[in-house]
Amino acid sequence: MASTKQKVFKAGNSLVVVIPAVFRNVLGIKDGDEVKVEVDMEKQSVSYKFTSSRQLTLLRRRSQKGRKK
């Protein structure tokens, strides 16, 4: 699992965390995509799950790369 440390900043009345370009590119995330946000109060963590179907295609391609013909 890849990770990075990001700062939180204010945008209007909201707080924002930037998704680094390398993660956006790998996951195929585009402006306007929907994201499911899960908060685990016990672990003090927030998880983001992108519902874009592009992710499924990316994972499928990756798994086929390692196969021998």
N, C-alpha and C. Protein backbone atom coordinates (compact mmCIF):
# COMPACT_ATOMS: atom_id res chain seq x y z
N MET A 1 0.85 -1.17 0.00
CA MET A 1 0.00 0.00 0.00
C MET A 1 0.90 1.24 0.00
N ALA A 2 0.61 2.15 -0.88
CA ALA A 2 1.36 3.42 -0.95
C ALA A 2 0.72 4.43 -0.01
N SER A 3 1.55 5.32 0.53
CA SER A 3 1.01 6.37 1.39
C SER A 3 1.88 7.61 1.26
N THR A 4 1.32 8.71 1.67
CA THR A 4 2.02 9.98 1.67
C THR A 4 1.42 10.86 2.76
N LYS A 5 2.15 11.83 3.20
CA LYS A 5 1.65 12.76 4.21
C LYS A 5 1.23 14.03 3.49
N GLN A 6 -0.01 14.47 3.70
CA GLN A 6 -0.55 15.67 3.06
C GLN A 6 -1.02 16.63 4.14
N LYS A 7 -0.97 17.92 3.83
CA LYS A 7 -1.50 18.94 4.74
C LYS A 7 -2.97 19.17 4.44
N VAL A 8 -3.70 19.58 5.45
CA VAL A 8 -5.10 19.96 5.33
C VAL A 8 -5.14 21.47 5.22
N PHE A 9 -5.91 21.99 4.26
CA PHE A 9 -6.04 23.44 4.16
C PHE A 9 -7.48 23.83 3.95
N LYS A 10 -7.76 25.11 4.18
CA LYS A 10 -9.12 25.61 4.11
C LYS A 10 -9.43 26.11 2.71
N ALA A 11 -10.63 25.75 2.22
CA ALA A 11 -11.14 26.23 0.94
C ALA A 11 -12.59 26.64 1.17
N GLY A 12 -12.82 27.91 1.31
CA GLY A 12 -14.16 28.39 1.66
C GLY A 12 -14.48 27.99 3.08
N ASN A 13 -15.62 27.32 3.28
CA ASN A 13 -16.00 26.84 4.61
C ASN A 13 -15.62 25.38 4.84
N SER A 14 -14.88 24.79 3.92
CA SER A 14 -14.51 23.38 4.02
C SER A 14 -13.02 23.21 4.23
N LEU A 15 -12.63 22.00 4.65
CA LEU A 15 -11.23 21.64 4.73
C LEU A 15 -10.94 20.66 3.59
N VAL A 16 -9.76 20.76 3.02
CA VAL A 16 -9.42 20.00 1.81
C VAL A 16 -8.11 19.25 2.01
N VAL A 17 -8.05 18.03 1.50
CA VAL A 17 -6.81 17.27 1.42
C VAL A 17 -6.58 16.98 -0.05
N VAL A 18 -5.41 17.29 -0.54
CA VAL A 18 -5.10 17.10 -1.96
C VAL A 18 -4.68 15.66 -2.22
N ILE A 19 -5.20 15.07 -3.29
CA ILE A 19 -4.76 13.74 -3.74
C ILE A 19 -3.61 13.97 -4.70
N PRO A 20 -2.42 13.45 -4.38
CA PRO A 20 -1.26 13.66 -5.25
C PRO A 20 -1.50 13.14 -6.68
N ALA A 21 -0.91 13.81 -7.65
CA ALA A 21 -1.10 13.47 -9.06
C ALA A 21 -0.76 12.01 -9.35
N VAL A 22 0.29 11.49 -8.73
CA VAL A 22 0.68 10.10 -9.00
C VAL A 22 -0.44 9.14 -8.60
N PHE A 23 -1.13 9.40 -7.50
CA PHE A 23 -2.25 8.55 -7.09
C PHE A 23 -3.43 8.73 -8.03
N ARG A 24 -3.73 9.97 -8.41
CA ARG A 24 -4.83 10.23 -9.35
C ARG A 24 -4.60 9.50 -10.66
N ASN A 25 -3.38 9.56 -11.16
CA ASN A 25 -3.08 8.92 -12.45
C ASN A 25 -3.18 7.41 -12.37
N VAL A 26 -2.65 6.81 -11.32
CA VAL A 26 -2.68 5.35 -11.17
C VAL A 26 -4.11 4.85 -11.03
N LEU A 27 -4.93 5.56 -10.26
CA LEU A 27 -6.31 5.14 -10.03
C LEU A 27 -7.27 5.61 -11.11
N GLY A 28 -6.83 6.53 -11.98
CA GLY A 28 -7.71 7.04 -13.02
C GLY A 28 -8.79 7.97 -12.49
N ILE A 29 -8.50 8.66 -11.39
CA ILE A 29 -9.48 9.56 -10.78
C ILE A 29 -9.58 10.84 -11.60
N LYS A 30 -10.80 11.25 -11.89
CA LYS A 30 -11.06 12.47 -12.66
C LYS A 30 -11.90 13.45 -11.85
N ASP A 31 -11.83 14.71 -12.21
CA ASP A 31 -12.65 15.74 -11.58
C ASP A 31 -14.12 15.35 -11.72
N GLY A 32 -14.85 15.38 -10.64
CA GLY A 32 -16.28 15.04 -10.66
C GLY A 32 -16.58 13.60 -10.29
N ASP A 33 -15.56 12.73 -10.18
CA ASP A 33 -15.78 11.35 -9.77
C ASP A 33 -16.35 11.32 -8.36
N GLU A 34 -17.15 10.30 -8.07
CA GLU A 34 -17.70 10.14 -6.72
C GLU A 34 -16.73 9.36 -5.86
N VAL A 35 -16.76 9.67 -4.56
CA VAL A 35 -15.89 8.99 -3.61
C VAL A 35 -16.69 8.67 -2.35
N LYS A 36 -16.48 7.47 -1.81
CA LYS A 36 -17.12 7.08 -0.56
C LYS A 36 -16.11 7.35 0.55
N VAL A 37 -16.53 8.08 1.57
CA VAL A 37 -15.65 8.45 2.67
C VAL A 37 -16.08 7.66 3.91
N GLU A 38 -15.13 6.93 4.49
CA GLU A 38 -15.40 6.15 5.70
C GLU A 38 -14.51 6.66 6.83
N VAL A 39 -15.11 6.88 7.99
CA VAL A 39 -14.38 7.37 9.15
C VAL A 39 -14.37 6.28 10.21
N ASP A 40 -13.19 5.95 10.73
CA ASP A 40 -13.04 4.99 11.81
C ASP A 40 -12.56 5.77 13.03
N MET A 41 -13.49 6.09 13.91
CA MET A 41 -13.18 6.92 15.08
C MET A 41 -12.20 6.21 16.01
N GLU A 42 -12.30 4.88 16.12
CA GLU A 42 -11.41 4.12 16.99
C GLU A 42 -9.95 4.23 16.53
N LYS A 43 -9.73 4.11 15.22
CA LYS A 43 -8.37 4.19 14.67
C LYS A 43 -7.97 5.61 14.30
N GLN A 44 -8.91 6.53 14.43
CA GLN A 44 -8.71 7.92 14.02
C GLN A 44 -8.21 7.99 12.58
N SER A 45 -8.94 7.31 11.69
CA SER A 45 -8.54 7.29 10.28
C SER A 45 -9.73 7.57 9.38
N VAL A 46 -9.41 8.06 8.20
CA VAL A 46 -10.40 8.33 7.16
C VAL A 46 -9.96 7.57 5.92
N SER A 47 -10.88 6.82 5.31
CA SER A 47 -10.59 6.09 4.09
C SER A 47 -11.45 6.62 2.96
N TYR A 48 -10.88 6.67 1.77
CA TYR A 48 -11.60 7.14 0.59
C TYR A 48 -11.65 6.00 -0.41
N LYS A 49 -12.85 5.69 -0.91
CA LYS A 49 -13.01 4.64 -1.91
C LYS A 49 -13.67 5.26 -3.12
N PHE A 50 -12.95 5.25 -4.23
CA PHE A 50 -13.46 5.85 -5.46
C PHE A 50 -14.29 4.81 -6.19
N THR A 51 -15.50 5.20 -6.58
CA THR A 51 -16.45 4.26 -7.17
C THR A 51 -16.34 4.19 -8.68
N SER A 52 -15.35 4.85 -9.24
CA SER A 52 -15.18 4.88 -10.69
C SER A 52 -14.91 3.48 -11.23
N SER A 53 -15.54 3.14 -12.34
CA SER A 53 -15.31 1.82 -12.96
C SER A 53 -13.92 1.75 -13.59
N ARG A 54 -13.26 2.89 -13.79
CA ARG A 54 -11.91 2.89 -14.36
C ARG A 54 -10.95 2.09 -13.48
N GLN A 55 -11.17 2.08 -12.18
CA GLN A 55 -10.29 1.34 -11.28
C GLN A 55 -10.34 -0.15 -11.58
N LEU A 56 -11.52 -0.68 -11.83
CA LEU A 56 -11.66 -2.10 -12.11
C LEU A 56 -10.89 -2.48 -13.38
N THR A 57 -10.97 -1.65 -14.39
CA THR A 57 -10.23 -1.90 -15.63
C THR A 57 -8.74 -1.87 -15.36
N LEU A 58 -8.28 -0.92 -14.60
CA LEU A 58 -6.85 -0.80 -14.29
C LEU A 58 -6.36 -2.06 -13.57
N LEU A 59 -7.10 -2.53 -12.59
CA LEU A 59 -6.69 -3.71 -11.85
C LEU A 59 -6.70 -4.95 -12.74
N ARG A 60 -7.67 -5.06 -13.62
CA ARG A 60 -7.75 -6.21 -14.51
C ARG A 60 -6.55 -6.23 -15.44
N ARG A 61 -6.18 -5.09 -16.01
CA ARG A 61 -5.02 -5.02 -16.90
C ARG A 61 -3.75 -5.41 -16.16
N ARG A 62 -3.62 -4.94 -14.95
CA ARG A 62 -2.43 -5.22 -14.17
C ARG A 62 -2.28 -6.72 -13.92
N SER A 63 -3.38 -7.40 -13.60
CA SER A 63 -3.30 -8.82 -13.29
C SER A 63 -2.97 -9.63 -14.55
N GLN A 64 -3.36 -9.17 -15.72
CA GLN A 64 -3.07 -9.88 -16.96
C GLN A 64 -1.62 -9.71 -17.37
N LYS A 65 -0.97 -8.64 -16.96
CA LYS A 65 0.43 -8.39 -17.29
C LYS A 65 1.34 -9.50 -16.78
N GLY A 66 1.06 -9.99 -15.58
CA GLY A 66 1.92 -10.98 -14.94
C GLY A 66 1.72 -12.40 -15.45
N ARG A 67 0.69 -12.64 -16.25
CA ARG A 67 0.40 -13.99 -16.74
C ARG A 67 1.33 -14.37 -17.88
N LYS A 68 1.70 -15.65 -17.88
CA LYS A 68 2.50 -16.17 -18.98
C LYS A 68 1.59 -16.67 -20.08
N LYS A 69 2.01 -16.46 -21.32
CA LYS A 69 1.17 -16.88 -22.47
C LYS A 69 1.55 -18.26 -22.92
